[in-house]
Amino acid sequence: LNLLKHYNISKEEKYNGQLVFSKESIPEKLLEKR
């Protein structure tokens, strides 16, 4: 939370729907996920 204060970006940038690491890109199988 403290670092987020330092690396502050606008709400438009923060919530633009583009994650760096998308949840969809995480595989379902355990070995692949690890």
PDB file of all heavy atoms in Angstrom:
ATOM      1  N   LEU A   1       0.826  -1.208   0.000  1.00  0.00           N
ATOM      2  CA  LEU A   1       0.000   0.000   0.000  1.00  0.00           C
ATOM      3  C   LEU A   1       0.861   1.260   0.000  1.00  0.00           C
ATOM      4  O   LEU A   1       0.557   2.229  -0.697  1.00  0.00           O
ATOM      5  CB  LEU A   1      -0.955  -0.015   1.195  1.00  0.00           C
ATOM      6  CG  LEU A   1      -2.070  -1.062   1.133  1.00  0.00           C
ATOM      7  CD1 LEU A   1      -2.858  -1.090   2.428  1.00  0.00           C
ATOM      8  CD2 LEU A   1      -2.980  -0.796  -0.059  1.00  0.00           C
ATOM      9  N   ASN A   2       1.941   1.263   0.772  1.00  0.00           N
ATOM     10  CA  ASN A   2       2.859   2.409   0.777  1.00  0.00           C
ATOM     11  C   ASN A   2       3.507   2.601  -0.587  1.00  0.00           C
ATOM     12  O   ASN A   2       3.657   3.727  -1.066  1.00  0.00           O
ATOM     13  CB  ASN A   2       3.943   2.250   1.852  1.00  0.00           C
ATOM     14  CG  ASN A   2       3.400   2.429   3.239  1.00  0.00           C
ATOM     15  OD1 ASN A   2       2.372   3.057   3.444  1.00  0.00           O
ATOM     16  ND2 ASN A   2       4.082   1.860   4.214  1.00  0.00           N
ATOM     17  N   LEU A   3       3.902   1.509  -1.214  1.00  0.00           N
ATOM     18  CA  LEU A   3       4.517   1.603  -2.547  1.00  0.00           C
ATOM     19  C   LEU A   3       3.520   2.104  -3.577  1.00  0.00           C
ATOM     20  O   LEU A   3       3.891   2.847  -4.494  1.00  0.00           O
ATOM     21  CB  LEU A   3       5.091   0.245  -2.965  1.00  0.00           C
ATOM     22  CG  LEU A   3       6.361  -0.173  -2.238  1.00  0.00           C
ATOM     23  CD1 LEU A   3       6.682  -1.631  -2.519  1.00  0.00           C
ATOM     24  CD2 LEU A   3       7.528   0.719  -2.636  1.00  0.00           C
ATOM     25  N   LEU A   4       2.261   1.712  -3.434  1.00  0.00           N
ATOM     26  CA  LEU A   4       1.237   2.204  -4.361  1.00  0.00           C
ATOM     27  C   LEU A   4       1.063   3.716  -4.242  1.00  0.00           C
ATOM     28  O   LEU A   4       0.745   4.390  -5.217  1.00  0.00           O
ATOM     29  CB  LEU A   4      -0.093   1.493  -4.121  1.00  0.00           C
ATOM     30  CG  LEU A   4      -0.176   0.067  -4.651  1.00  0.00           C
ATOM     31  CD1 LEU A   4      -1.456  -0.614  -4.177  1.00  0.00           C
ATOM     32  CD2 LEU A   4      -0.109   0.064  -6.165  1.00  0.00           C
ATOM     33  N   LYS A   5       1.279   4.265  -3.055  1.00  0.00           N
ATOM     34  CA  LYS A   5       1.236   5.727  -2.894  1.00  0.00           C
ATOM     35  C   LYS A   5       2.381   6.376  -3.658  1.00  0.00           C
ATOM     36  O   LYS A   5       2.209   7.429  -4.254  1.00  0.00           O
ATOM     37  CB  LYS A   5       1.313   6.099  -1.407  1.00  0.00           C
ATOM     38  CG  LYS A   5       0.077   5.734  -0.627  1.00  0.00           C
ATOM     39  CD  LYS A   5       0.261   6.031   0.847  1.00  0.00           C
ATOM     40  CE  LYS A   5      -0.895   5.475   1.655  1.00  0.00           C
ATOM     41  NZ  LYS A   5      -0.651   5.568   3.097  1.00  0.00           N
ATOM     42  N   HIS A   6       3.548   5.750  -3.640  1.00  0.00           N
ATOM     43  CA  HIS A   6       4.709   6.300  -4.352  1.00  0.00           C
ATOM     44  C   HIS A   6       4.553   6.132  -5.858  1.00  0.00           C
ATOM     45  O   HIS A   6       4.838   7.053  -6.623  1.00  0.00           O
ATOM     46  CB  HIS A   6       6.003   5.627  -3.876  1.00  0.00           C
ATOM     47  CG  HIS A   6       7.219   6.134  -4.580  1.00  0.00           C
ATOM     48  ND1 HIS A   6       7.802   7.331  -4.259  1.00  0.00           N
ATOM     49  CD2 HIS A   6       7.928   5.626  -5.615  1.00  0.00           C
ATOM     50  CE1 HIS A   6       8.838   7.530  -5.062  1.00  0.00           C
ATOM     51  NE2 HIS A   6       8.937   6.501  -5.888  1.00  0.00           N
ATOM     52  N   TYR A   7       4.107   4.962  -6.301  1.00  0.00           N
ATOM     53  CA  TYR A   7       3.921   4.673  -7.722  1.00  0.00           C
ATOM     54  C   TYR A   7       2.463   4.928  -8.095  1.00  0.00           C
ATOM     55  O   TYR A   7       1.768   4.062  -8.593  1.00  0.00           O
ATOM     56  CB  TYR A   7       4.321   3.229  -8.038  1.00  0.00           C
ATOM     57  CG  TYR A   7       5.796   2.990  -7.900  1.00  0.00           C
ATOM     58  CD1 TYR A   7       6.329   2.432  -6.748  1.00  0.00           C
ATOM     59  CD2 TYR A   7       6.667   3.350  -8.918  1.00  0.00           C
ATOM     60  CE1 TYR A   7       7.692   2.225  -6.625  1.00  0.00           C
ATOM     61  CE2 TYR A   7       8.033   3.145  -8.790  1.00  0.00           C
ATOM     62  CZ  TYR A   7       8.533   2.589  -7.647  1.00  0.00           C
ATOM     63  OH  TYR A   7       9.882   2.387  -7.519  1.00  0.00           O
ATOM     64  N   ASN A   8       1.997   6.122  -7.827  1.00  0.00           N
ATOM     65  CA  ASN A   8       0.606   6.497  -8.021  1.00  0.00           C
ATOM     66  C   ASN A   8       0.314   6.736  -9.504  1.00  0.00           C
ATOM     67  O   ASN A   8       1.073   7.404 -10.187  1.00  0.00           O
ATOM     68  CB  ASN A   8       0.310   7.759  -7.215  1.00  0.00           C
ATOM     69  CG  ASN A   8      -1.167   8.036  -7.111  1.00  0.00           C
ATOM     70  OD1 ASN A   8      -1.990   7.174  -7.363  1.00  0.00           O
ATOM     71  ND2 ASN A   8      -1.506   9.247  -6.741  1.00  0.00           N
ATOM     72  N   ILE A   9      -0.783   6.157  -9.987  1.00  0.00           N
ATOM     73  CA  ILE A   9      -1.241   6.402 -11.357  1.00  0.00           C
ATOM     74  C   ILE A   9      -2.705   6.820 -11.284  1.00  0.00           C
ATOM     75  O   ILE A   9      -3.373   6.605 -10.267  1.00  0.00           O
ATOM     76  CB  ILE A   9      -1.067   5.161 -12.270  1.00  0.00           C
ATOM     77  CG1 ILE A   9      -1.812   3.950 -11.712  1.00  0.00           C
ATOM     78  CG2 ILE A   9       0.392   4.849 -12.496  1.00  0.00           C
ATOM     79  CD1 ILE A   9      -1.824   2.740 -12.633  1.00  0.00           C
ATOM     80  N   SER A  10      -3.215   7.392 -12.366  1.00  0.00           N
ATOM     81  CA  SER A  10      -4.608   7.849 -12.387  1.00  0.00           C
ATOM     82  C   SER A  10      -5.554   6.649 -12.316  1.00  0.00           C
ATOM     83  O   SER A  10      -5.185   5.527 -12.668  1.00  0.00           O
ATOM     84  CB  SER A  10      -4.876   8.655 -13.658  1.00  0.00           C
ATOM     85  OG  SER A  10      -4.848   7.802 -14.787  1.00  0.00           O
ATOM     86  N   LYS A  11      -6.775   6.926 -11.913  1.00  0.00           N
ATOM     87  CA  LYS A  11      -7.782   5.863 -11.840  1.00  0.00           C
ATOM     88  C   LYS A  11      -8.063   5.295 -13.222  1.00  0.00           C
ATOM     89  O   LYS A  11      -8.315   4.103 -13.366  1.00  0.00           O
ATOM     90  CB  LYS A  11      -9.075   6.392 -11.220  1.00  0.00           C
ATOM     91  CG  LYS A  11      -8.974   6.625  -9.734  1.00  0.00           C
ATOM     92  CD  LYS A  11     -10.289   7.054  -9.159  1.00  0.00           C
ATOM     93  CE  LYS A  11     -10.140   7.259  -7.652  1.00  0.00           C
ATOM     94  NZ  LYS A  11     -11.390   7.665  -7.017  1.00  0.00           N
ATOM     95  N   GLU A  12      -8.008   6.152 -14.250  1.00  0.00           N
ATOM     96  CA  GLU A  12      -8.238   5.678 -15.616  1.00  0.00           C
ATOM     97  C   GLU A  12      -7.185   4.648 -16.009  1.00  0.00           C
ATOM     98  O   GLU A  12      -7.483   3.640 -16.637  1.00  0.00           O
ATOM     99  CB  GLU A  12      -8.226   6.843 -16.612  1.00  0.00           C
ATOM    100  CG  GLU A  12      -9.414   7.791 -16.471  1.00  0.00           C
ATOM    101  CD  GLU A  12      -9.237   8.806 -15.340  1.00  0.00           C
ATOM    102  OE1 GLU A  12      -8.084   9.127 -14.955  1.00  0.00           O
ATOM    103  OE2 GLU A  12     -10.264   9.273 -14.807  1.00  0.00           O
ATOM    104  N   GLU A  13      -5.943   4.912 -15.657  1.00  0.00           N
ATOM    105  CA  GLU A  13      -4.868   3.965 -15.984  1.00  0.00           C
ATOM    106  C   GLU A  13      -4.970   2.703 -15.133  1.00  0.00           C
ATOM    107  O   GLU A  13      -4.746   1.597 -15.621  1.00  0.00           O
ATOM    108  CB  GLU A  13      -3.498   4.612 -15.764  1.00  0.00           C
ATOM    109  CG  GLU A  13      -3.160   5.686 -16.762  1.00  0.00           C
ATOM    110  CD  GLU A  13      -1.879   6.410 -16.414  1.00  0.00           C
ATOM    111  OE1 GLU A  13      -1.660   6.729 -15.227  1.00  0.00           O
ATOM    112  OE2 GLU A  13      -1.091   6.656 -17.339  1.00  0.00           O
ATOM    113  N   LYS A  14      -5.305   2.901 -13.874  1.00  0.00           N
ATOM    114  CA  LYS A  14      -5.366   1.765 -12.951  1.00  0.00           C
ATOM    115  C   LYS A  14      -6.486   0.796 -13.317  1.00  0.00           C
ATOM    116  O   LYS A  14      -6.317  -0.410 -13.266  1.00  0.00           O
ATOM    117  CB  LYS A  14      -5.564   2.275 -11.527  1.00  0.00           C
ATOM    118  CG  LYS A  14      -5.386   1.225 -10.461  1.00  0.00           C
ATOM    119  CD  LYS A  14      -5.605   1.776  -9.062  1.00  0.00           C
ATOM    120  CE  LYS A  14      -4.512   2.711  -8.665  1.00  0.00           C
ATOM    121  NZ  LYS A  14      -4.627   3.191  -7.283  1.00  0.00           N
ATOM    122  N   TYR A  15      -7.621   1.337 -13.712  1.00  0.00           N
ATOM    123  CA  TYR A  15      -8.793   0.499 -13.965  1.00  0.00           C
ATOM    124  C   TYR A  15      -9.163   0.474 -15.445  1.00  0.00           C
ATOM    125  O   TYR A  15     -10.333   0.490 -15.804  1.00  0.00           O
ATOM    126  CB  TYR A  15      -9.976   0.994 -13.124  1.00  0.00           C
ATOM    127  CG  TYR A  15      -9.674   0.970 -11.652  1.00  0.00           C
ATOM    128  CD1 TYR A  15      -9.548   2.155 -10.933  1.00  0.00           C
ATOM    129  CD2 TYR A  15      -9.475  -0.226 -10.976  1.00  0.00           C
ATOM    130  CE1 TYR A  15      -9.258   2.145  -9.581  1.00  0.00           C
ATOM    131  CE2 TYR A  15      -9.178  -0.255  -9.625  1.00  0.00           C
ATOM    132  CZ  TYR A  15      -9.074   0.940  -8.937  1.00  0.00           C
ATOM    133  OH  TYR A  15      -8.775   0.918  -7.610  1.00  0.00           O
ATOM    134  N   ASN A  16      -8.173   0.406 -16.309  1.00  0.00           N
ATOM    135  CA  ASN A  16      -8.432   0.392 -17.753  1.00  0.00           C
ATOM    136  C   ASN A  16      -8.732  -1.012 -18.288  1.00  0.00           C
ATOM    137  O   ASN A  16      -8.859  -1.210 -19.483  1.00  0.00           O
ATOM    138  CB  ASN A  16      -7.270   1.023 -18.524  1.00  0.00           C
ATOM    139  CG  ASN A  16      -6.000   0.204 -18.460  1.00  0.00           C
ATOM    140  OD1 ASN A  16      -5.955  -0.871 -17.875  1.00  0.00           O
ATOM    141  ND2 ASN A  16      -4.951   0.721 -19.055  1.00  0.00           N
ATOM    142  N   GLY A  17      -8.808  -1.993 -17.406  1.00  0.00           N
ATOM    143  CA  GLY A  17      -9.156  -3.352 -17.822  1.00  0.00           C
ATOM    144  C   GLY A  17      -7.990  -4.166 -18.357  1.00  0.00           C
ATOM    145  O   GLY A  17      -8.174  -5.291 -18.795  1.00  0.00           O
ATOM    146  N   GLN A  18      -6.787  -3.616 -18.332  1.00  0.00           N
ATOM    147  CA  GLN A  18      -5.617  -4.324 -18.851  1.00  0.00           C
ATOM    148  C   GLN A  18      -4.664  -4.650 -17.708  1.00  0.00           C
ATOM    149  O   GLN A  18      -3.874  -3.802 -17.295  1.00  0.00           O
ATOM    150  CB  GLN A  18      -4.905  -3.478 -19.900  1.00  0.00           C
ATOM    151  CG  GLN A  18      -5.755  -3.210 -21.113  1.00  0.00           C
ATOM    152  CD  GLN A  18      -5.069  -2.299 -22.107  1.00  0.00           C
ATOM    153  OE1 GLN A  18      -4.149  -1.572 -21.760  1.00  0.00           O
ATOM    154  NE2 GLN A  18      -5.515  -2.335 -23.345  1.00  0.00           N
ATOM    155  N   LEU A  19      -4.736  -5.875 -17.227  1.00  0.00           N
ATOM    156  CA  LEU A  19      -3.820  -6.321 -16.183  1.00  0.00           C
ATOM    157  C   LEU A  19      -2.483  -6.692 -16.808  1.00  0.00           C
ATOM    158  O   LEU A  19      -2.430  -7.088 -17.974  1.00  0.00           O
ATOM    159  CB  LEU A  19      -4.391  -7.541 -15.466  1.00  0.00           C
ATOM    160  CG  LEU A  19      -5.698  -7.341 -14.705  1.00  0.00           C
ATOM    161  CD1 LEU A  19      -6.218  -8.674 -14.207  1.00  0.00           C
ATOM    162  CD2 LEU A  19      -5.501  -6.382 -13.557  1.00  0.00           C
ATOM    163  N   VAL A  20      -1.422  -6.588 -16.042  1.00  0.00           N
ATOM    164  CA  VAL A  20      -0.129  -7.056 -16.512  1.00  0.00           C
ATOM    165  C   VAL A  20      -0.135  -8.576 -16.530  1.00  0.00           C
ATOM    166  O   VAL A  20       0.325  -9.201 -17.485  1.00  0.00           O
ATOM    167  CB  VAL A  20       1.022  -6.510 -15.622  1.00  0.00           C
ATOM    168  CG1 VAL A  20       2.353  -7.097 -16.052  1.00  0.00           C
ATOM    169  CG2 VAL A  20       1.056  -4.987 -15.678  1.00  0.00           C
ATOM    170  N   PHE A  21      -0.682  -9.178 -15.485  1.00  0.00           N
ATOM    171  CA  PHE A  21      -0.798 -10.628 -15.392  1.00  0.00           C
ATOM    172  C   PHE A  21      -2.280 -10.980 -15.303  1.00  0.00           C
ATOM    173  O   PHE A  21      -2.879 -10.901 -14.245  1.00  0.00           O
ATOM    174  CB  PHE A  21      -0.050 -11.166 -14.172  1.00  0.00           C
ATOM    175  CG  PHE A  21       1.414 -10.872 -14.187  1.00  0.00           C
ATOM    176  CD1 PHE A  21       1.942  -9.879 -13.383  1.00  0.00           C
ATOM    177  CD2 PHE A  21       2.265 -11.567 -15.021  1.00  0.00           C
ATOM    178  CE1 PHE A  21       3.293  -9.601 -13.410  1.00  0.00           C
ATOM    179  CE2 PHE A  21       3.617 -11.293 -15.054  1.00  0.00           C
ATOM    180  CZ  PHE A  21       4.131 -10.306 -14.241  1.00  0.00           C
ATOM    181  N   SER A  22      -2.850 -11.383 -16.409  1.00  0.00           N
ATOM    182  CA  SER A  22      -4.271 -11.692 -16.481  1.00  0.00           C
ATOM    183  C   SER A  22      -4.569 -13.007 -15.765  1.00  0.00           C
ATOM    184  O   SER A  22      -3.808 -13.963 -15.857  1.00  0.00           O
ATOM    185  CB  SER A  22      -4.684 -11.797 -17.947  1.00  0.00           C
ATOM    186  OG  SER A  22      -5.954 -12.351 -18.054  1.00  0.00           O
ATOM    187  N   LYS A  23      -5.691 -13.037 -15.085  1.00  0.00           N
ATOM    188  CA  LYS A  23      -6.120 -14.259 -14.407  1.00  0.00           C
ATOM    189  C   LYS A  23      -6.385 -15.373 -15.409  1.00  0.00           C
ATOM    190  O   LYS A  23      -6.169 -16.543 -15.123  1.00  0.00           O
ATOM    191  CB  LYS A  23      -7.381 -13.953 -13.610  1.00  0.00           C
ATOM    192  CG  LYS A  23      -7.529 -14.699 -12.332  1.00  0.00           C
ATOM    193  CD  LYS A  23      -8.762 -14.228 -11.589  1.00  0.00           C
ATOM    194  CE  LYS A  23      -8.817 -14.844 -10.225  1.00  0.00           C
ATOM    195  NZ  LYS A  23     -10.002 -14.458  -9.485  1.00  0.00           N
ATOM    196  N   GLU A  24      -6.828 -15.003 -16.611  1.00  0.00           N
ATOM    197  CA  GLU A  24      -7.124 -15.992 -17.645  1.00  0.00           C
ATOM    198  C   GLU A  24      -5.856 -16.686 -18.140  1.00  0.00           C
ATOM    199  O   GLU A  24      -5.921 -17.788 -18.668  1.00  0.00           O
ATOM    200  CB  GLU A  24      -7.849 -15.345 -18.833  1.00  0.00           C
ATOM    201  CG  GLU A  24      -9.298 -15.004 -18.550  1.00  0.00           C
ATOM    202  CD  GLU A  24      -9.453 -13.683 -17.796  1.00  0.00           C
ATOM    203  OE1 GLU A  24      -8.658 -12.749 -18.040  1.00  0.00           O
ATOM    204  OE2 GLU A  24     -10.350 -13.599 -16.950  1.00  0.00           O
ATOM    205  N   SER A  25      -4.709 -16.041 -18.003  1.00  0.00           N
ATOM    206  CA  SER A  25      -3.471 -16.652 -18.496  1.00  0.00           C
ATOM    207  C   SER A  25      -2.904 -17.687 -17.528  1.00  0.00           C
ATOM    208  O   SER A  25      -1.959 -18.392 -17.866  1.00  0.00           O
ATOM    209  CB  SER A  25      -2.420 -15.573 -18.796  1.00  0.00           C
ATOM    210  OG  SER A  25      -2.057 -14.908 -17.605  1.00  0.00           O
ATOM    211  N   ILE A  26      -3.487 -17.795 -16.351  1.00  0.00           N
ATOM    212  CA  ILE A  26      -3.007 -18.768 -15.368  1.00  0.00           C
ATOM    213  C   ILE A  26      -3.604 -20.133 -15.701  1.00  0.00           C
ATOM    214  O   ILE A  26      -4.825 -20.285 -15.722  1.00  0.00           O
ATOM    215  CB  ILE A  26      -3.384 -18.345 -13.936  1.00  0.00           C
ATOM    216  CG1 ILE A  26      -2.732 -16.999 -13.612  1.00  0.00           C
ATOM    217  CG2 ILE A  26      -2.977 -19.413 -12.923  1.00  0.00           C
ATOM    218  CD1 ILE A  26      -3.162 -16.403 -12.291  1.00  0.00           C
ATOM    219  N   PRO A  27      -2.755 -21.117 -15.993  1.00  0.00           N
ATOM    220  CA  PRO A  27      -3.268 -22.445 -16.356  1.00  0.00           C
ATOM    221  C   PRO A  27      -4.047 -23.085 -15.216  1.00  0.00           C
ATOM    222  O   PRO A  27      -3.858 -22.743 -14.052  1.00  0.00           O
ATOM    223  CB  PRO A  27      -1.991 -23.254 -16.643  1.00  0.00           C
ATOM    224  CG  PRO A  27      -0.899 -22.264 -16.756  1.00  0.00           C
ATOM    225  CD  PRO A  27      -1.312 -21.050 -16.003  1.00  0.00           C
ATOM    226  N   GLU A  28      -4.918 -24.024 -15.558  1.00  0.00           N
ATOM    227  CA  GLU A  28      -5.722 -24.709 -14.548  1.00  0.00           C
ATOM    228  C   GLU A  28      -5.019 -25.911 -13.942  1.00  0.00           C
ATOM    229  O   GLU A  28      -5.201 -26.212 -12.782  1.00  0.00           O
ATOM    230  CB  GLU A  28      -7.055 -25.146 -15.159  1.00  0.00           C
ATOM    231  CG  GLU A  28      -7.972 -23.986 -15.469  1.00  0.00           C
ATOM    232  CD  GLU A  28      -9.324 -24.441 -15.968  1.00  0.00           C
ATOM    233  OE1 GLU A  28      -9.751 -25.557 -15.619  1.00  0.00           O
ATOM    234  OE2 GLU A  28      -9.953 -23.668 -16.698  1.00  0.00           O
ATOM    235  N   LYS A  29      -4.202 -26.599 -14.733  1.00  0.00           N
ATOM    236  CA  LYS A  29      -3.536 -27.797 -14.238  1.00  0.00           C
ATOM    237  C   LYS A  29      -2.424 -27.411 -13.273  1.00  0.00           C
ATOM    238  O   LYS A  29      -1.692 -26.454 -13.501  1.00  0.00           O
ATOM    239  CB  LYS A  29      -2.987 -28.626 -15.391  1.00  0.00           C
ATOM    240  CG  LYS A  29      -4.077 -29.184 -16.276  1.00  0.00           C
ATOM    241  CD  LYS A  29      -3.533 -30.033 -17.372  1.00  0.00           C
ATOM    242  CE  LYS A  29      -4.669 -30.574 -18.229  1.00  0.00           C
ATOM    243  NZ  LYS A  29      -4.171 -31.359 -19.335  1.00  0.00           N
ATOM    244  N   LEU A  30      -2.284 -28.182 -12.200  1.00  0.00           N
ATOM    245  CA  LEU A  30      -1.382 -27.837 -11.109  1.00  0.00           C
ATOM    246  C   LEU A  30       0.065 -27.656 -11.560  1.00  0.00           C
ATOM    247  O   LEU A  30       0.691 -26.642 -11.232  1.00  0.00           O
ATOM    248  CB  LEU A  30      -1.469 -28.904 -10.012  1.00  0.00           C
ATOM    249  CG  LEU A  30      -0.680 -28.599  -8.744  1.00  0.00           C
ATOM    250  CD1 LEU A  30      -1.167 -27.310  -8.095  1.00  0.00           C
ATOM    251  CD2 LEU A  30      -0.789 -29.741  -7.760  1.00  0.00           C
ATOM    252  N   LEU A  31       0.616 -28.601 -12.289  1.00  0.00           N
ATOM    253  CA  LEU A  31       2.017 -28.495 -12.706  1.00  0.00           C
ATOM    254  C   LEU A  31       2.221 -27.269 -13.581  1.00  0.00           C
ATOM    255  O   LEU A  31       3.165 -26.499 -13.378  1.00  0.00           O
ATOM    256  CB  LEU A  31       2.466 -29.758 -13.446  1.00  0.00           C
ATOM    257  CG  LEU A  31       3.907 -29.724 -13.970  1.00  0.00           C
ATOM    258  CD1 LEU A  31       4.893 -29.555 -12.827  1.00  0.00           C
ATOM    259  CD2 LEU A  31       4.224 -30.972 -14.757  1.00  0.00           C
ATOM    260  N   GLU A  32       1.329 -27.063 -14.538  1.00  0.00           N
ATOM    261  CA  GLU A  32       1.439 -25.903 -15.410  1.00  0.00           C
ATOM    262  C   GLU A  32       1.311 -24.606 -14.613  1.00  0.00           C
ATOM    263  O   GLU A  32       2.014 -23.638 -14.857  1.00  0.00           O
ATOM    264  CB  GLU A  32       0.366 -25.952 -16.499  1.00  0.00           C
ATOM    265  CG  GLU A  32       0.559 -27.097 -17.463  1.00  0.00           C
ATOM    266  CD  GLU A  32      -0.652 -27.309 -18.363  1.00  0.00           C
ATOM    267  OE1 GLU A  32      -1.653 -26.564 -18.245  1.00  0.00           O
ATOM    268  OE2 GLU A  32      -0.593 -28.232 -19.183  1.00  0.00           O
ATOM    269  N   LYS A  33       0.405 -24.601 -13.642  1.00  0.00           N
ATOM    270  CA  LYS A  33       0.197 -23.420 -12.813  1.00  0.00           C
ATOM    271  C   LYS A  33       1.449 -23.110 -11.997  1.00  0.00           C
ATOM    272  O   LYS A  33       1.850 -21.961 -11.869  1.00  0.00           O
ATOM    273  CB  LYS A  33      -1.004 -23.631 -11.885  1.00  0.00           C
ATOM    274  CG  LYS A  33      -1.405 -22.396 -11.106  1.00  0.00           C
ATOM    275  CD  LYS A  33      -2.571 -22.669 -10.183  1.00  0.00           C
ATOM    276  CE  LYS A  33      -3.837 -22.796 -10.959  1.00  0.00           C
ATOM    277  NZ  LYS A  33      -5.031 -22.846 -10.125  1.00  0.00           N
ATOM    278  N   ARG A  34       2.076 -24.146 -11.453  1.00  0.00           N
ATOM    279  CA  ARG A  34       3.293 -23.936 -10.653  1.00  0.00           C
ATOM    280  C   ARG A  34       4.418 -23.375 -11.521  1.00  0.00           C
ATOM    281  O   ARG A  34       5.123 -22.470 -11.104  1.00  0.00           O
ATOM    282  CB  ARG A  34       3.729 -25.242  -9.981  1.00  0.00           C
ATOM    283  CG  ARG A  34       2.808 -25.659  -8.837  1.00  0.00           C
ATOM    284  CD  ARG A  34       3.324 -26.864  -8.085  1.00  0.00           C
ATOM    285  NE  ARG A  34       4.626 -26.686  -7.512  1.00  0.00           N
ATOM    286  CZ  ARG A  34       4.893 -26.069  -6.355  1.00  0.00           C
ATOM    287  NH1 ARG A  34       3.917 -25.531  -5.668  1.00  0.00           N
ATOM    288  NH2 ARG A  34       6.108 -25.978  -5.907  1.00  0.00           N
TER     289      ARG A  34
END
